[in-house]
Amino acid sequence: MHKLQKKEVLRRLSIISGHLKRVTKMVEDDQYCIDTLNQSLAVQRALQKVDSLILDNHLHSCVSDALKGQGKKSDQAISELLSLYERSAR
């Protein structure tokens, strides 16, 4: 992963970790369910953004390099992306 993207992903994950601890505390403290759900949804959206950053990096590096060639590496990159897509659609 490129150094700047890695730094950004790690920064976001640190923030998400703090939010997740807050959600845990809200559940422990029997906070209002809607408030807890709103925080949980914020964590999920933040994780989706992290996933997007990681996928973007993968597409622009590993996949791009694999598709420039022919054969096994190219086929593997396509297979991995298809598998990822299928898992995300569930």
C-alpha atoms as a PDB file:
ATOM      1  CA  MET A   1       0.000   0.000   0.000  1.00  0.00           C
ATOM      2  CA  HIS A   2       1.284   3.460  -0.822  1.00  0.00           C
ATOM      3  CA  LYS A   3       2.688   5.287   2.204  1.00  0.00           C
ATOM      4  CA  LEU A   4       0.183   8.175   2.154  1.00  0.00           C
ATOM      5  CA  GLN A   5      -2.816   5.900   1.683  1.00  0.00           C
ATOM      6  CA  LYS A   6      -1.594   3.609   4.439  1.00  0.00           C
ATOM      7  CA  LYS A   7      -1.269   6.571   6.786  1.00  0.00           C
ATOM      8  CA  GLU A   8      -4.813   7.707   5.932  1.00  0.00           C
ATOM      9  CA  VAL A   9      -6.275   4.208   6.389  1.00  0.00           C
ATOM     10  CA  LEU A  10      -4.556   3.839   9.767  1.00  0.00           C
ATOM     11  CA  ARG A  11      -5.774   7.290  10.836  1.00  0.00           C
ATOM     12  CA  ARG A  12      -9.347   6.408   9.927  1.00  0.00           C
ATOM     13  CA  LEU A  13      -9.127   3.026  11.673  1.00  0.00           C
ATOM     14  CA  SER A  14      -7.932   4.740  14.833  1.00  0.00           C
ATOM     15  CA  ILE A  15     -10.938   7.064  14.734  1.00  0.00           C
ATOM     16  CA  ILE A  16     -13.265   4.124  14.056  1.00  0.00           C
ATOM     17  CA  SER A  17     -11.795   2.273  17.026  1.00  0.00           C
ATOM     18  CA  GLY A  18     -12.687   5.205  19.260  1.00  0.00           C
ATOM     19  CA  HIS A  19     -16.220   5.320  17.878  1.00  0.00           C
ATOM     20  CA  LEU A  20     -16.631   1.580  18.387  1.00  0.00           C
ATOM     21  CA  LYS A  21     -15.532   1.900  22.018  1.00  0.00           C
ATOM     22  CA  ARG A  22     -18.172   4.604  22.387  1.00  0.00           C
ATOM     23  CA  VAL A  23     -20.852   2.281  20.962  1.00  0.00           C
ATOM     24  CA  THR A  24     -19.764  -0.438  23.393  1.00  0.00           C
ATOM     25  CA  LYS A  25     -20.012   2.016  26.296  1.00  0.00           C
ATOM     26  CA  MET A  26     -23.434   3.161  25.113  1.00  0.00           C
ATOM     27  CA  VAL A  27     -24.687  -0.443  25.183  1.00  0.00           C
ATOM     28  CA  GLU A  28     -23.133  -1.061  28.595  1.00  0.00           C
ATOM     29  CA  ASP A  29     -24.748   2.124  29.932  1.00  0.00           C
ATOM     30  CA  ASP A  30     -28.166   1.283  28.429  1.00  0.00           C
ATOM     31  CA  GLN A  31     -28.177   4.450  26.325  1.00  0.00           C
ATOM     32  CA  TYR A  32     -31.158   5.259  24.137  1.00  0.00           C
ATOM     33  CA  CYS A  33     -31.262   2.628  21.368  1.00  0.00           C
ATOM     34  CA  ILE A  34     -31.661   5.102  18.498  1.00  0.00           C
ATOM     35  CA  ASP A  35     -28.577   7.022  19.633  1.00  0.00           C
ATOM     36  CA  THR A  36     -26.632   3.766  19.865  1.00  0.00           C
ATOM     37  CA  LEU A  37     -27.815   2.687  16.417  1.00  0.00           C
ATOM     38  CA  ASN A  38     -26.842   6.053  14.933  1.00  0.00           C
ATOM     39  CA  GLN A  39     -23.322   5.643  16.306  1.00  0.00           C
ATOM     40  CA  SER A  40     -23.173   2.066  15.034  1.00  0.00           C
ATOM     41  CA  LEU A  41     -24.235   3.190  11.562  1.00  0.00           C
ATOM     42  CA  ALA A  42     -21.534   5.873  11.626  1.00  0.00           C
ATOM     43  CA  VAL A  43     -18.944   3.174  12.382  1.00  0.00           C
ATOM     44  CA  GLN A  44     -20.239   1.052   9.504  1.00  0.00           C
ATOM     45  CA  ARG A  45     -20.102   3.977   7.061  1.00  0.00           C
ATOM     46  CA  ALA A  46     -16.580   4.800   8.192  1.00  0.00           C
ATOM     47  CA  LEU A  47     -15.515   1.183   7.632  1.00  0.00           C
ATOM     48  CA  GLN A  48     -17.033   1.286   4.149  1.00  0.00           C
ATOM     49  CA  LYS A  49     -14.879   4.336   3.392  1.00  0.00           C
ATOM     50  CA  VAL A  50     -11.791   2.485   4.636  1.00  0.00           C
ATOM     51  CA  ASP A  51     -12.743  -0.452   2.419  1.00  0.00           C
ATOM     52  CA  SER A  52     -13.015   1.938  -0.533  1.00  0.00           C
ATOM     53  CA  LEU A  53      -9.559   3.367   0.136  1.00  0.00           C
ATOM     54  CA  ILE A  54      -8.022  -0.099   0.381  1.00  0.00           C
ATOM     55  CA  LEU A  55      -9.799  -1.269  -2.778  1.00  0.00           C
ATOM     56  CA  ASP A  56      -8.720   1.866  -4.642  1.00  0.00           C
ATOM     57  CA  ASN A  57      -5.117   1.200  -3.698  1.00  0.00           C
ATOM     58  CA  HIS A  58      -5.409  -2.447  -4.724  1.00  0.00           C
ATOM     59  CA  LEU A  59      -6.955  -1.589  -8.093  1.00  0.00           C
ATOM     60  CA  HIS A  60      -4.309   1.020  -8.891  1.00  0.00           C
ATOM     61  CA  SER A  61      -1.389  -1.170  -7.890  1.00  0.00           C
ATOM     62  CA  CYS A  62      -1.814  -4.940  -7.752  1.00  0.00           C
ATOM     63  CA  VAL A  63      -4.711  -5.294 -10.186  1.00  0.00           C
ATOM     64  CA  SER A  64      -3.353  -2.748 -12.635  1.00  0.00           C
ATOM     65  CA  ASP A  65      -0.017  -4.552 -12.724  1.00  0.00           C
ATOM     66  CA  ALA A  66      -1.666  -7.975 -13.060  1.00  0.00           C
ATOM     67  CA  LEU A  67      -3.911  -6.889 -15.936  1.00  0.00           C
ATOM     68  CA  LYS A  68      -0.970  -5.508 -17.913  1.00  0.00           C
ATOM     69  CA  GLY A  69       0.202  -9.066 -18.308  1.00  0.00           C
ATOM     70  CA  GLN A  70      -1.509 -12.164 -19.545  1.00  0.00           C
ATOM     71  CA  GLY A  71      -2.248 -15.519 -18.037  1.00  0.00           C
ATOM     72  CA  LYS A  72      -2.311 -16.684 -14.456  1.00  0.00           C
ATOM     73  CA  LYS A  73      -1.782 -13.365 -12.624  1.00  0.00           C
ATOM     74  CA  SER A  74      -4.406 -11.616 -14.711  1.00  0.00           C
ATOM     75  CA  ASP A  75      -6.895 -14.444 -14.224  1.00  0.00           C
ATOM     76  CA  GLN A  76      -6.202 -14.528 -10.487  1.00  0.00           C
ATOM     77  CA  ALA A  77      -6.772 -10.776 -10.107  1.00  0.00           C
ATOM     78  CA  ILE A  78     -10.104 -11.023 -11.918  1.00  0.00           C
ATOM     79  CA  SER A  79     -11.126 -14.051  -9.860  1.00  0.00           C
ATOM     80  CA  GLU A  80     -10.271 -12.291  -6.592  1.00  0.00           C
ATOM     81  CA  LEU A  81     -12.297  -9.220  -7.542  1.00  0.00           C
ATOM     82  CA  LEU A  82     -15.271 -11.311  -8.594  1.00  0.00           C
ATOM     83  CA  SER A  83     -15.144 -13.246  -5.326  1.00  0.00           C
ATOM     84  CA  LEU A  84     -14.944 -10.004  -3.345  1.00  0.00           C
ATOM     85  CA  TYR A  85     -17.900  -8.593  -5.253  1.00  0.00           C
ATOM     86  CA  GLU A  86     -19.969 -11.721  -4.608  1.00  0.00           C
ATOM     87  CA  ARG A  87     -19.217 -11.613  -0.868  1.00  0.00           C
ATOM     88  CA  SER A  88     -20.113  -7.929  -0.670  1.00  0.00           C
ATOM     89  CA  ALA A  89     -23.453  -8.513  -2.396  1.00  0.00           C
ATOM     90  CA  ARG A  90     -24.654 -10.922   0.302  1.00  0.00           C
END
